[in-house]
Amino acid sequence: MELEPIFISAIIFGFTYAVIYLFIRKKERMAMLEKGVDPAIFQQPISKPKYSGAAALKYGLLFIGVAIGIFLGAVLDEMTTLNDEASYFSMLFLFGGMGLVVAHYLEKKEVKDANTIN
């Protein structure tokens, strides 16, 4: 199966979506400015994350999930009739995604705890 046409289609779709999105956003902003809205609302302040270890936690749990996925993909490959691509990729995405979900909830809990103390 050739993946080149799929990638080209995805890139074309992405660029088309971006151009349309930017065009509509510009029209909305111009209409807001014409109605007298303060232009400072378009500049969002850069905020520091309240929990500085969030990225390390997220990547750590992602890589742990990927490692478990590789291991269980090998187990599935040996013990079932699934082909090796299906077993490896399904386990990689499953456990990698679970790692990111766990990181999200841990980060959310940490931010909530930090906000309740202050």
Protein backbone atom coordinates (compact mmCIF):
# COMPACT_ATOMS: atom_id res chain seq x y z
CA MET A 1 0.00 0.00 0.00
CA GLU A 2 1.42 3.34 -1.01
CA LEU A 3 1.18 6.07 1.58
CA GLU A 4 2.31 8.91 -0.67
CA PRO A 5 -1.19 9.80 -1.99
CA ILE A 6 -2.55 9.78 1.56
CA PHE A 7 0.16 12.15 2.79
CA ILE A 8 -0.28 14.46 -0.19
CA SER A 9 -4.05 14.55 0.33
CA ALA A 10 -3.59 15.31 4.05
CA ILE A 11 -1.14 18.12 3.31
CA ILE A 12 -3.42 19.68 0.68
CA PHE A 13 -6.40 19.45 3.05
CA GLY A 14 -4.35 20.99 5.88
CA PHE A 15 -3.16 23.93 3.80
CA THR A 16 -6.66 24.56 2.44
CA TYR A 17 -8.10 24.50 5.96
CA ALA A 18 -5.39 26.86 7.25
CA VAL A 19 -5.93 29.39 4.45
CA ILE A 20 -9.71 29.39 4.93
CA TYR A 21 -9.34 29.64 8.72
CA LEU A 22 -6.91 32.55 8.51
CA PHE A 23 -9.12 34.34 5.97
CA ILE A 24 -12.22 34.01 8.17
CA ARG A 25 -10.29 35.05 11.30
CA LYS A 26 -9.00 38.17 9.53
CA LYS A 27 -12.53 39.09 8.43
CA GLU A 28 -13.83 38.64 11.99
CA ARG A 29 -11.07 40.75 13.48
CA MET A 30 -11.59 43.52 10.95
CA ALA A 31 -15.33 43.54 11.70
CA MET A 32 -14.62 43.73 15.44
CA LEU A 33 -12.19 46.63 14.93
CA GLU A 34 -14.77 48.48 12.81
CA LYS A 35 -17.25 48.16 15.69
CA GLY A 36 -14.76 49.76 18.08
CA VAL A 37 -13.38 46.78 20.00
CA ASP A 38 -10.04 47.38 21.72
CA PRO A 39 -7.26 45.71 19.65
CA ALA A 40 -5.46 44.63 22.83
CA ILE A 41 -7.79 41.64 23.15
CA PHE A 42 -6.06 40.04 20.15
CA GLN A 43 -2.75 39.87 22.00
CA GLN A 44 -2.96 37.02 24.49
CA PRO A 45 -0.52 37.18 27.38
CA ILE A 46 2.13 34.52 27.54
CA SER A 47 1.52 32.63 30.74
CA LYS A 48 3.93 30.36 32.51
CA PRO A 49 2.63 26.92 33.35
CA LYS A 50 1.86 26.63 37.04
CA TYR A 51 3.33 23.17 37.18
CA SER A 52 6.85 23.24 35.76
CA GLY A 53 7.32 19.46 35.55
CA ALA A 54 4.29 18.97 33.31
CA ALA A 55 6.25 18.37 30.11
CA ALA A 56 8.65 15.95 31.78
CA LEU A 57 5.76 14.03 33.31
CA LYS A 58 3.89 13.92 30.02
CA TYR A 59 6.86 12.69 28.01
CA GLY A 60 7.91 10.27 30.71
CA LEU A 61 4.50 8.62 30.83
CA LEU A 62 4.30 8.64 27.03
CA PHE A 63 7.62 6.81 26.71
CA ILE A 64 6.68 4.36 29.46
CA GLY A 65 3.45 3.67 27.58
CA VAL A 66 5.35 3.21 24.31
CA ALA A 67 7.77 0.78 25.98
CA ILE A 68 4.89 -1.24 27.42
CA GLY A 69 3.22 -1.13 24.00
CA ILE A 70 6.34 -2.48 22.27
CA PHE A 71 6.60 -5.26 24.82
CA LEU A 72 2.93 -6.25 24.59
CA GLY A 73 3.06 -5.94 20.79
CA ALA A 74 5.85 -8.53 20.78
CA VAL A 75 3.79 -10.75 23.08
CA LEU A 76 0.75 -10.41 20.79
CA ASP A 77 2.90 -11.09 17.75
CA GLU A 78 4.17 -14.34 19.24
CA MET A 79 0.99 -15.62 20.86
CA THR A 80 -1.70 -14.70 18.34
CA THR A 81 -2.24 -14.86 14.62
CA LEU A 82 -2.19 -11.08 14.24
CA ASN A 83 0.44 -9.82 11.85
CA ASP A 84 3.35 -7.98 13.42
CA GLU A 85 2.38 -4.48 12.16
CA ALA A 86 -1.10 -4.67 13.65
CA SER A 87 0.07 -5.98 16.99
CA TYR A 88 2.93 -3.50 17.41
CA PHE A 89 1.10 -0.38 16.23
CA SER A 90 -2.10 -1.13 18.11
CA MET A 91 -0.24 -1.62 21.37
CA LEU A 92 2.02 1.42 20.78
CA PHE A 93 -0.91 3.74 20.21
CA LEU A 94 -3.03 2.20 22.96
CA PHE A 95 -0.45 2.42 25.72
CA GLY A 96 1.13 5.66 24.46
CA GLY A 97 -2.32 7.28 24.51
CA MET A 98 -3.05 5.87 27.93
CA GLY A 99 0.21 7.38 29.17
CA LEU A 100 -0.82 10.80 27.87
CA VAL A 101 -4.28 10.51 29.45
CA VAL A 102 -2.74 9.58 32.81
CA ALA A 103 -0.32 12.53 32.50
CA HIS A 104 -3.25 14.85 31.79
CA TYR A 105 -5.17 13.78 34.88
CA LEU A 106 -2.07 13.91 37.10
CA GLU A 107 -1.25 17.40 35.84
CA LYS A 108 -4.85 18.50 36.32
CA LYS A 109 -4.81 17.20 39.91
CA GLU A 110 -1.46 18.90 40.60
CA VAL A 111 -2.70 22.27 39.32
CA LYS A 112 -5.91 21.91 41.33
CA ASP A 113 -3.92 21.13 44.49
CA ALA A 114 -1.60 24.08 43.86
CA ASN A 115 -4.58 26.42 43.42
CA THR A 116 -6.34 25.26 46.58
CA ILE A 117 -3.26 25.79 48.75
CA ASN A 118 -2.78 29.40 47.61
